[in-house]
Amino acid sequence: MVTGKTKEVFQLSEHCHIKARFREPFLKWYTKTEKTKGRRPTIKELTAEMRRKGSPLQGMVKQNQREAAGEYWRKMAQYYLRHVDVVRVNIVTKEILTQPVRAYVALEKKRHEAFGEGGYVPTGRTMTRTERLSVVKQARADFDAWLARFERYAEFMNTFRPVVEAYRKLQESLK
């Protein structure tokens, strides 16, 4: 879309997990699909395009149903494991004494690398200095990603301005 001296160009996020050979064809399909001019394509439309024989997007996802089902089961298992929290409870009164926190925390990993079983440590155990630094580094990366995502929306930035300013001051003091 061109307005005055500017134009909008669609691109994929740097965090998008898509094979390099599909990046350009996907963006071309996304922006050039006649049926979806002026609106976001639907999941159903993208699914149909990925299944269409001869489509440059065919092969973007696993075509073999057994492999696809296995991948889905793995992702769901990962999702459930990621959502286990831990709380401290008084043994006598059964009263919950602490806020829920994740049972295990992920240690640093390389970009786009899946965590192995050894990539997590129990939240309640004392971590080594290296493990603590890894967790802090990951937290900073998560916050930076959140900030980059919401900085694009001015109405959100007014709400979060004090948090963003405090974070930027902290970043400056750590340099």
N, C-alpha and C. Protein backbone atom coordinates (compact mmCIF):
# COMPACT_ATOMS: atom_id res chain seq x y z
N MET A 1 0.85 -1.18 0.00
CA MET A 1 0.00 0.00 0.00
C MET A 1 0.89 1.24 0.00
N VAL A 2 0.64 2.17 -0.89
CA VAL A 2 1.43 3.39 -0.99
C VAL A 2 0.58 4.56 -0.55
N THR A 3 1.10 5.38 0.35
CA THR A 3 0.42 6.60 0.79
C THR A 3 1.45 7.71 0.81
N GLY A 4 1.28 8.71 -0.02
CA GLY A 4 2.25 9.80 -0.07
C GLY A 4 3.61 9.28 -0.47
N LYS A 5 4.59 9.47 0.43
CA LYS A 5 5.96 9.05 0.14
C LYS A 5 6.34 7.78 0.90
N THR A 6 5.35 7.08 1.38
CA THR A 6 5.65 5.84 2.11
C THR A 6 4.88 4.68 1.50
N LYS A 7 5.28 3.49 1.86
CA LYS A 7 4.54 2.31 1.44
C LYS A 7 4.71 1.24 2.51
N GLU A 8 3.73 0.36 2.56
CA GLU A 8 3.79 -0.74 3.50
C GLU A 8 4.37 -1.95 2.79
N VAL A 9 5.32 -2.61 3.43
CA VAL A 9 5.94 -3.82 2.89
C VAL A 9 5.79 -4.90 3.95
N PHE A 10 5.26 -6.02 3.56
CA PHE A 10 5.12 -7.14 4.49
C PHE A 10 6.42 -7.93 4.54
N GLN A 11 6.79 -8.34 5.75
CA GLN A 11 7.95 -9.20 5.92
C GLN A 11 7.68 -10.15 7.08
N LEU A 12 8.42 -11.23 7.14
CA LEU A 12 8.26 -12.18 8.22
C LEU A 12 9.12 -11.78 9.40
N SER A 13 8.62 -12.02 10.58
CA SER A 13 9.36 -11.74 11.80
C SER A 13 10.64 -12.56 11.82
N GLU A 14 11.67 -12.04 12.47
CA GLU A 14 12.93 -12.79 12.58
C GLU A 14 12.75 -14.05 13.41
N HIS A 15 11.68 -14.11 14.18
CA HIS A 15 11.41 -15.28 15.03
C HIS A 15 10.52 -16.31 14.35
N CYS A 16 10.13 -16.04 13.11
CA CYS A 16 9.23 -16.95 12.39
C CYS A 16 9.98 -18.22 12.01
N HIS A 17 9.42 -19.35 12.38
CA HIS A 17 10.04 -20.64 12.07
C HIS A 17 9.51 -21.14 10.73
N ILE A 18 10.13 -20.67 9.66
CA ILE A 18 9.74 -21.09 8.32
C ILE A 18 11.03 -21.31 7.53
N LYS A 19 11.07 -22.38 6.79
CA LYS A 19 12.28 -22.68 6.02
C LYS A 19 12.53 -21.57 5.01
N ALA A 20 13.80 -21.30 4.77
CA ALA A 20 14.20 -20.20 3.89
C ALA A 20 13.56 -20.30 2.51
N ARG A 21 13.44 -21.52 1.98
CA ARG A 21 12.90 -21.66 0.63
C ARG A 21 11.42 -21.29 0.54
N PHE A 22 10.73 -21.20 1.68
CA PHE A 22 9.29 -20.87 1.67
C PHE A 22 9.03 -19.40 2.03
N ARG A 23 10.03 -18.68 2.50
CA ARG A 23 9.81 -17.31 2.96
C ARG A 23 9.24 -16.42 1.84
N GLU A 24 9.95 -16.36 0.73
CA GLU A 24 9.52 -15.50 -0.37
C GLU A 24 8.20 -15.96 -0.99
N PRO A 25 8.04 -17.27 -1.32
CA PRO A 25 6.75 -17.70 -1.89
C PRO A 25 5.57 -17.44 -0.95
N PHE A 26 5.80 -17.61 0.35
CA PHE A 26 4.71 -17.36 1.30
C PHE A 26 4.32 -15.88 1.29
N LEU A 27 5.29 -15.00 1.37
CA LEU A 27 4.98 -13.56 1.36
C LEU A 27 4.33 -13.15 0.05
N LYS A 28 4.77 -13.72 -1.05
CA LYS A 28 4.16 -13.40 -2.34
C LYS A 28 2.70 -13.84 -2.34
N TRP A 29 2.43 -15.06 -1.88
CA TRP A 29 1.05 -15.55 -1.80
C TRP A 29 0.23 -14.66 -0.86
N TYR A 30 0.81 -14.30 0.28
CA TYR A 30 0.12 -13.50 1.29
C TYR A 30 -0.31 -12.14 0.73
N THR A 31 0.54 -11.54 -0.07
CA THR A 31 0.26 -10.19 -0.56
C THR A 31 -0.44 -10.16 -1.91
N LYS A 32 -0.37 -11.24 -2.68
CA LYS A 32 -0.91 -11.22 -4.05
C LYS A 32 -2.18 -12.03 -4.24
N THR A 33 -2.70 -12.61 -3.21
CA THR A 33 -3.90 -13.42 -3.35
C THR A 33 -5.10 -12.52 -3.63
N GLU A 34 -5.71 -12.70 -4.79
CA GLU A 34 -6.82 -11.84 -5.22
C GLU A 34 -8.01 -11.90 -4.25
N LYS A 35 -8.32 -13.10 -3.76
CA LYS A 35 -9.48 -13.26 -2.87
C LYS A 35 -9.33 -12.49 -1.56
N THR A 36 -8.09 -12.23 -1.17
CA THR A 36 -7.87 -11.64 0.15
C THR A 36 -7.39 -10.18 0.09
N LYS A 37 -7.57 -9.53 -1.03
CA LYS A 37 -7.17 -8.11 -1.13
C LYS A 37 -7.79 -7.30 0.00
N GLY A 38 -6.97 -6.62 0.75
CA GLY A 38 -7.46 -5.74 1.81
C GLY A 38 -7.82 -6.45 3.11
N ARG A 39 -7.56 -7.75 3.19
CA ARG A 39 -7.83 -8.45 4.45
C ARG A 39 -6.79 -9.55 4.64
N ARG A 40 -6.68 -10.00 5.87
CA ARG A 40 -5.75 -11.08 6.20
C ARG A 40 -6.33 -12.40 5.70
N PRO A 41 -5.50 -13.24 5.04
CA PRO A 41 -5.99 -14.56 4.62
C PRO A 41 -6.38 -15.38 5.85
N THR A 42 -7.30 -16.29 5.66
CA THR A 42 -7.74 -17.14 6.78
C THR A 42 -6.84 -18.37 6.89
N ILE A 43 -6.91 -19.02 8.02
CA ILE A 43 -6.17 -20.27 8.24
C ILE A 43 -6.61 -21.30 7.21
N LYS A 44 -7.90 -21.36 6.96
CA LYS A 44 -8.44 -22.32 5.99
C LYS A 44 -7.86 -22.07 4.60
N GLU A 45 -7.75 -20.81 4.20
CA GLU A 45 -7.21 -20.48 2.89
C GLU A 45 -5.74 -20.86 2.78
N LEU A 46 -4.96 -20.59 3.83
CA LEU A 46 -3.55 -20.96 3.80
C LEU A 46 -3.40 -22.48 3.79
N THR A 47 -4.19 -23.16 4.59
CA THR A 47 -4.14 -24.63 4.62
C THR A 47 -4.44 -25.19 3.23
N ALA A 48 -5.46 -24.67 2.57
CA ALA A 48 -5.82 -25.13 1.22
C ALA A 48 -4.67 -24.89 0.25
N GLU A 49 -4.02 -23.75 0.34
CA GLU A 49 -2.90 -23.43 -0.56
C GLU A 49 -1.72 -24.36 -0.30
N MET A 50 -1.44 -24.66 0.96
CA MET A 50 -0.32 -25.56 1.28
C MET A 50 -0.59 -26.98 0.80
N ARG A 51 -1.85 -27.36 0.68
CA ARG A 51 -2.23 -28.71 0.23
C ARG A 51 -2.37 -28.79 -1.29
N ARG A 52 -2.53 -27.65 -1.95
CA ARG A 52 -2.77 -27.64 -3.40
C ARG A 52 -1.56 -28.17 -4.15
N LYS A 53 -1.80 -29.14 -5.02
CA LYS A 53 -0.71 -29.71 -5.83
C LYS A 53 -0.14 -28.60 -6.73
N GLY A 54 1.18 -28.54 -6.80
CA GLY A 54 1.85 -27.55 -7.64
C GLY A 54 2.05 -26.20 -6.96
N SER A 55 1.54 -26.02 -5.77
CA SER A 55 1.71 -24.75 -5.06
C SER A 55 3.15 -24.62 -4.58
N PRO A 56 3.73 -23.41 -4.66
CA PRO A 56 5.08 -23.22 -4.12
C PRO A 56 5.11 -23.39 -2.59
N LEU A 57 3.93 -23.41 -1.97
CA LEU A 57 3.86 -23.59 -0.51
C LEU A 57 3.68 -25.05 -0.11
N GLN A 58 3.48 -25.91 -1.11
CA GLN A 58 3.32 -27.33 -0.80
C GLN A 58 4.63 -27.83 -0.19
N GLY A 59 4.53 -28.51 0.93
CA GLY A 59 5.73 -28.99 1.62
C GLY A 59 6.13 -28.09 2.78
N MET A 60 5.42 -26.98 2.97
CA MET A 60 5.71 -26.09 4.10
C MET A 60 5.48 -26.80 5.43
N VAL A 61 4.53 -27.70 5.44
CA VAL A 61 4.27 -28.52 6.63
C VAL A 61 4.37 -29.97 6.22
N LYS A 62 4.52 -30.83 7.19
CA LYS A 62 4.65 -32.26 6.91
C LYS A 62 3.42 -32.76 6.17
N GLN A 63 3.63 -33.49 5.09
CA GLN A 63 2.53 -34.01 4.30
C GLN A 63 2.09 -35.39 4.78
N ASN A 64 3.04 -36.14 5.34
CA ASN A 64 2.73 -37.47 5.82
C ASN A 64 1.90 -37.35 7.10
N GLN A 65 0.72 -37.97 7.11
CA GLN A 65 -0.19 -37.82 8.26
C GLN A 65 0.40 -38.37 9.54
N ARG A 66 1.12 -39.47 9.46
CA ARG A 66 1.72 -40.05 10.66
C ARG A 66 2.77 -39.10 11.25
N GLU A 67 3.62 -38.52 10.38
CA GLU A 67 4.63 -37.57 10.84
C GLU A 67 3.96 -36.32 11.42
N ALA A 68 2.94 -35.82 10.75
CA ALA A 68 2.23 -34.64 11.21
C ALA A 68 1.57 -34.89 12.56
N ALA A 69 0.96 -36.06 12.71
CA ALA A 69 0.33 -36.40 13.99
C ALA A 69 1.38 -36.50 15.08
N GLY A 70 2.52 -37.11 14.78
CA GLY A 70 3.60 -37.23 15.76
C GLY A 70 4.11 -35.87 16.19
N GLU A 71 4.24 -34.96 15.23
CA GLU A 71 4.69 -33.59 15.53
C GLU A 71 3.66 -32.87 16.41
N TYR A 72 2.39 -33.05 16.10
CA TYR A 72 1.33 -32.44 16.90
C TYR A 72 1.37 -32.96 18.34
N TRP A 73 1.52 -34.27 18.50
CA TRP A 73 1.56 -34.86 19.85
C TRP A 73 2.77 -34.33 20.61
N ARG A 74 3.91 -34.21 19.94
CA ARG A 74 5.11 -33.69 20.60
C ARG A 74 4.90 -32.24 21.06
N LYS A 75 4.31 -31.43 20.18
CA LYS A 75 4.07 -30.03 20.53
C LYS A 75 3.08 -29.90 21.69
N MET A 76 2.05 -30.73 21.68
CA MET A 76 1.08 -30.68 22.78
C MET A 76 1.71 -31.13 24.09
N ALA A 77 2.54 -32.17 24.05
CA ALA A 77 3.23 -32.63 25.26
C ALA A 77 4.13 -31.52 25.79
N GLN A 78 4.85 -30.86 24.89
CA GLN A 78 5.71 -29.74 25.27
C GLN A 78 4.88 -28.61 25.90
N TYR A 79 3.75 -28.32 25.30
CA TYR A 79 2.86 -27.28 25.81
C TYR A 79 2.41 -27.60 27.24
N TYR A 80 1.95 -28.82 27.46
CA TYR A 80 1.47 -29.20 28.79
C TYR A 80 2.59 -29.16 29.82
N LEU A 81 3.77 -29.65 29.46
CA LEU A 81 4.90 -29.64 30.39
C LEU A 81 5.32 -28.21 30.74
N ARG A 82 5.19 -27.32 29.78
CA ARG A 82 5.56 -25.92 29.99
C ARG A 82 4.60 -25.22 30.95
N HIS A 83 3.41 -25.76 31.11
CA HIS A 83 2.39 -25.10 31.92
C HIS A 83 2.18 -25.73 33.29
N VAL A 84 3.20 -26.40 33.82
CA VAL A 84 3.13 -26.95 35.17
C VAL A 84 3.77 -25.95 36.12
N ASP A 85 2.99 -25.51 37.10
CA ASP A 85 3.47 -24.57 38.11
C ASP A 85 3.72 -25.29 39.42
N VAL A 86 4.40 -24.62 40.33
CA VAL A 86 4.65 -25.16 41.67
C VAL A 86 4.30 -24.08 42.70
N VAL A 87 3.72 -24.50 43.81
CA VAL A 87 3.41 -23.60 44.93
C VAL A 87 3.89 -24.25 46.22
N ARG A 88 4.10 -23.45 47.26
CA ARG A 88 4.41 -23.99 48.58
C ARG A 88 3.10 -24.05 49.37
N VAL A 89 2.90 -25.17 50.07
CA VAL A 89 1.67 -25.40 50.81
C VAL A 89 2.01 -25.75 52.25
N ASN A 90 1.25 -25.19 53.21
CA ASN A 90 1.40 -25.55 54.61
C ASN A 90 0.89 -26.98 54.78
N ILE A 91 1.73 -27.86 55.30
CA ILE A 91 1.37 -29.28 55.40
C ILE A 91 0.17 -29.49 56.31
N VAL A 92 0.07 -28.71 57.37
CA VAL A 92 -1.01 -28.89 58.34
C VAL A 92 -2.32 -28.29 57.85
N THR A 93 -2.28 -27.03 57.45
CA THR A 93 -3.52 -26.33 57.08
C THR A 93 -3.88 -26.47 55.61
N LYS A 94 -2.96 -26.97 54.80
CA LYS A 94 -3.15 -27.10 53.35
C LYS A 94 -3.29 -25.74 52.65
N GLU A 95 -2.94 -24.68 53.37
CA GLU A 95 -3.01 -23.32 52.81
C GLU A 95 -1.86 -23.10 51.83
N ILE A 96 -2.18 -22.51 50.69
CA ILE A 96 -1.16 -22.18 49.70
C ILE A 96 -0.45 -20.92 50.17
N LEU A 97 0.88 -20.99 50.28
CA LEU A 97 1.67 -19.90 50.86
C LEU A 97 2.35 -19.02 49.82
N THR A 98 2.52 -19.51 48.61
CA THR A 98 3.22 -18.73 47.59
C THR A 98 2.40 -18.64 46.31
N GLN A 99 2.75 -17.68 45.49
CA GLN A 99 2.15 -17.56 44.17
C GLN A 99 2.67 -18.71 43.30
N PRO A 100 1.87 -19.18 42.36
CA PRO A 100 2.37 -20.23 41.46
C PRO A 100 3.50 -19.71 40.58
N VAL A 101 4.53 -20.50 40.42
CA VAL A 101 5.62 -20.21 39.48
C VAL A 101 5.87 -21.47 38.67
N ARG A 102 6.48 -21.31 37.53
CA ARG A 102 6.78 -22.47 36.70
C ARG A 102 7.62 -23.48 37.48
N ALA A 103 7.30 -24.75 37.33
CA ALA A 103 8.03 -25.80 38.06
C ALA A 103 9.48 -25.91 37.59
N TYR A 104 9.69 -25.73 36.30
CA TYR A 104 11.04 -25.81 35.75
C TYR A 104 11.30 -24.57 34.91
N VAL A 105 12.52 -24.13 34.91
CA VAL A 105 12.90 -22.96 34.12
C VAL A 105 13.88 -23.42 33.04
N ALA A 106 13.71 -22.86 31.85
CA ALA A 106 14.56 -23.23 30.72
C ALA A 106 15.87 -22.48 30.79
N LEU A 107 16.95 -23.18 30.50
CA LEU A 107 18.26 -22.55 30.41
C LEU A 107 18.49 -22.09 28.99
N GLU A 108 19.53 -21.30 28.81
CA GLU A 108 19.83 -20.72 27.50
C GLU A 108 19.99 -21.81 26.44
N LYS A 109 19.53 -21.49 25.25
CA LYS A 109 19.68 -22.39 24.12
C LYS A 109 20.09 -21.57 22.92
N LYS A 110 20.58 -22.26 21.92
CA LYS A 110 20.92 -21.57 20.68
C LYS A 110 19.64 -21.23 19.93
N ARG A 111 19.69 -20.22 19.12
CA ARG A 111 18.52 -19.76 18.35
C ARG A 111 17.87 -20.90 17.57
N HIS A 112 16.58 -21.00 17.67
CA HIS A 112 15.75 -22.00 16.97
C HIS A 112 16.10 -23.44 17.36
N GLU A 113 16.77 -23.62 18.51
CA GLU A 113 17.12 -24.96 18.97
C GLU A 113 16.08 -25.40 19.99
N ALA A 114 15.64 -26.62 19.89
CA ALA A 114 14.69 -27.14 20.88
C ALA A 114 15.44 -27.51 22.14
N PHE A 115 14.78 -27.37 23.28
CA PHE A 115 15.40 -27.76 24.54
C PHE A 115 15.41 -29.27 24.64
N GLY A 116 16.54 -29.81 25.07
CA GLY A 116 16.61 -31.23 25.39
C GLY A 116 16.10 -31.39 26.82
N GLU A 117 16.03 -32.63 27.28
CA GLU A 117 15.56 -32.87 28.64
C GLU A 117 16.45 -32.17 29.66
N GLY A 118 17.74 -32.03 29.36
CA GLY A 118 18.67 -31.40 30.29
C GLY A 118 18.64 -29.89 30.24
N GLY A 119 17.80 -29.30 29.40
CA GLY A 119 17.76 -27.85 29.25
C GLY A 119 16.92 -27.14 30.29
N TYR A 120 16.40 -27.86 31.26
CA TYR A 120 15.54 -27.28 32.29
C TYR A 120 16.08 -27.60 33.67
N VAL A 121 15.88 -26.67 34.60
CA VAL A 121 16.24 -26.92 36.00
C VAL A 121 15.02 -26.61 36.87
N PRO A 122 14.87 -27.32 37.99
CA PRO A 122 13.74 -27.03 38.89
C PRO A 122 13.84 -25.59 39.41
N THR A 123 12.73 -24.88 39.38
CA THR A 123 12.71 -23.49 39.82
C THR A 123 13.13 -23.37 41.28
N GLY A 124 12.75 -24.34 42.11
CA GLY A 124 13.01 -24.26 43.54
C GLY A 124 14.42 -24.59 43.97
N ARG A 125 15.22 -25.17 43.12
CA ARG A 125 16.58 -25.52 43.55
C ARG A 125 17.52 -24.36 43.34
N THR A 126 18.59 -24.35 44.11
CA THR A 126 19.58 -23.28 43.98
C THR A 126 20.33 -23.48 42.67
N MET A 127 20.36 -22.45 41.86
CA MET A 127 21.02 -22.54 40.56
C MET A 127 22.46 -22.07 40.68
N THR A 128 23.29 -22.57 39.78
CA THR A 128 24.66 -22.09 39.71
C THR A 128 24.64 -20.68 39.13
N ARG A 129 25.73 -19.98 39.25
CA ARG A 129 25.82 -18.62 38.71
C ARG A 129 25.56 -18.64 37.19
N THR A 130 26.13 -19.60 36.50
CA THR A 130 25.95 -19.70 35.05
C THR A 130 24.49 -19.93 34.70
N GLU A 131 23.80 -20.79 35.46
CA GLU A 131 22.39 -21.04 35.22
C GLU A 131 21.56 -19.79 35.47
N ARG A 132 21.86 -19.06 36.55
CA ARG A 132 21.13 -17.82 36.84
C ARG A 132 21.31 -16.81 35.72
N LEU A 133 22.55 -16.66 35.25
CA LEU A 133 22.82 -15.72 34.16
C LEU A 133 22.07 -16.14 32.90
N SER A 134 21.98 -17.44 32.66
CA SER A 134 21.25 -17.94 31.50
C SER A 134 19.78 -17.58 31.59
N VAL A 135 19.19 -17.74 32.77
CA VAL A 135 17.78 -17.41 32.97
C VAL A 135 17.55 -15.91 32.79
N VAL A 136 18.43 -15.10 33.35
CA VAL A 136 18.31 -13.64 33.22
C VAL A 136 18.45 -13.24 31.74
N LYS A 137 19.39 -13.85 31.05
CA LYS A 137 19.59 -13.54 29.63
C LYS A 137 18.33 -13.88 28.83
N GLN A 138 17.73 -15.03 29.13
CA GLN A 138 16.50 -15.43 28.43
C GLN A 138 15.35 -14.48 28.76
N ALA A 139 15.26 -14.07 30.04
CA ALA A 139 14.21 -13.12 30.44
C ALA A 139 14.37 -11.79 29.70
N ARG A 140 15.60 -11.33 29.58
CA ARG A 140 15.85 -10.08 28.85
C ARG A 140 15.45 -10.23 27.38
N ALA A 141 15.80 -11.36 26.78
CA ALA A 141 15.44 -11.60 25.37
C ALA A 141 13.93 -11.64 25.21
N ASP A 142 13.24 -12.30 26.15
CA ASP A 142 11.77 -12.35 26.11
C ASP A 142 11.18 -10.96 26.22
N PHE A 143 11.71 -10.15 27.15
CA PHE A 143 11.18 -8.80 27.34
C PHE A 143 11.47 -7.94 26.11
N ASP A 144 12.68 -8.07 25.55
CA ASP A 144 13.01 -7.32 24.34
C ASP A 144 12.06 -7.67 23.20
N ALA A 145 11.73 -8.97 23.07
CA ALA A 145 10.79 -9.40 22.03
C ALA A 145 9.40 -8.82 22.29
N TRP A 146 8.98 -8.84 23.55
CA TRP A 146 7.68 -8.27 23.92
C TRP A 146 7.67 -6.77 23.60
N LEU A 147 8.74 -6.09 23.97
CA LEU A 147 8.84 -4.66 23.74
C LEU A 147 8.80 -4.35 22.25
N ALA A 148 9.54 -5.09 21.45
CA ALA A 148 9.55 -4.87 20.00
C ALA A 148 8.16 -5.09 19.42
N ARG A 149 7.45 -6.07 19.97
CA ARG A 149 6.10 -6.36 19.47
C ARG A 149 5.14 -5.23 19.78
N PHE A 150 5.16 -4.72 21.01
CA PHE A 150 4.17 -3.73 21.41
C PHE A 150 4.59 -2.28 21.16
N GLU A 151 5.86 -2.05 20.86
CA GLU A 151 6.30 -0.69 20.54
C GLU A 151 5.61 -0.18 19.28
N ARG A 152 5.18 -1.10 18.44
CA ARG A 152 4.53 -0.71 17.18
C ARG A 152 3.15 -0.11 17.40
N TYR A 153 2.60 -0.29 18.57
CA TYR A 153 1.25 0.18 18.84
C TYR A 153 1.30 1.32 19.84
N ALA A 154 1.17 2.53 19.36
CA ALA A 154 1.32 3.71 20.20
C ALA A 154 0.38 3.69 21.40
N GLU A 155 -0.85 3.21 21.21
CA GLU A 155 -1.80 3.23 22.34
C GLU A 155 -1.34 2.33 23.49
N PHE A 156 -0.62 1.24 23.17
CA PHE A 156 -0.09 0.38 24.24
C PHE A 156 1.11 1.05 24.91
N MET A 157 1.90 1.74 24.12
CA MET A 157 3.12 2.33 24.67
C MET A 157 2.80 3.38 25.72
N ASN A 158 1.71 4.09 25.58
CA ASN A 158 1.35 5.05 26.63
C ASN A 158 1.05 4.33 27.94
N THR A 159 0.42 3.19 27.86
CA THR A 159 0.12 2.40 29.05
C THR A 159 1.39 1.86 29.69
N PHE A 160 2.33 1.38 28.86
CA PHE A 160 3.53 0.73 29.37
C PHE A 160 4.74 1.66 29.45
N ARG A 161 4.56 2.92 29.16
CA ARG A 161 5.70 3.85 29.13
C ARG A 161 6.56 3.79 30.39
N PRO A 162 6.00 3.81 31.61
CA PRO A 162 6.86 3.75 32.82
C PRO A 162 7.71 2.47 32.87
N VAL A 163 7.15 1.37 32.46
CA VAL A 163 7.90 0.10 32.47
C VAL A 163 9.03 0.16 31.46
N VAL A 164 8.73 0.67 30.26
CA VAL A 164 9.72 0.75 29.20
C VAL A 164 10.85 1.69 29.60
N GLU A 165 10.51 2.84 30.17
CA GLU A 165 11.54 3.80 30.58
C GLU A 165 12.42 3.22 31.69
N ALA A 166 11.82 2.54 32.64
CA ALA A 166 12.60 1.92 33.72
C ALA A 166 13.54 0.85 33.14
N TYR A 167 13.04 0.08 32.19
CA TYR A 167 13.85 -0.96 31.58
C TYR A 167 15.01 -0.35 30.80
N ARG A 168 14.75 0.70 30.07
CA ARG A 168 15.83 1.35 29.29
C ARG A 168 16.89 1.95 30.23
N LYS A 169 16.47 2.52 31.36
CA LYS A 169 17.43 3.04 32.34
C LYS A 169 18.29 1.90 32.90
N LEU A 170 17.64 0.79 33.17
CA LEU A 170 18.36 -0.38 33.67
C LEU A 170 19.38 -0.86 32.64
N GLN A 171 18.97 -0.92 31.38
CA GLN A 171 19.89 -1.34 30.31
C GLN A 171 21.11 -0.42 30.25
N GLU A 172 20.87 0.89 30.34
CA GLU A 172 21.96 1.86 30.29
C GLU A 172 22.91 1.69 31.47
N SER A 173 22.35 1.44 32.64
CA SER A 173 23.20 1.29 33.83
C SER A 173 24.03 0.01 33.80
N LEU A 174 23.58 -0.98 33.02
CA LEU A 174 24.33 -2.24 32.95
C LEU A 174 25.41 -2.22 31.89
N LYS A 175 25.48 -1.17 31.08
CA LYS A 175 26.51 -1.11 30.02
C LYS A 175 27.86 -0.78 30.59
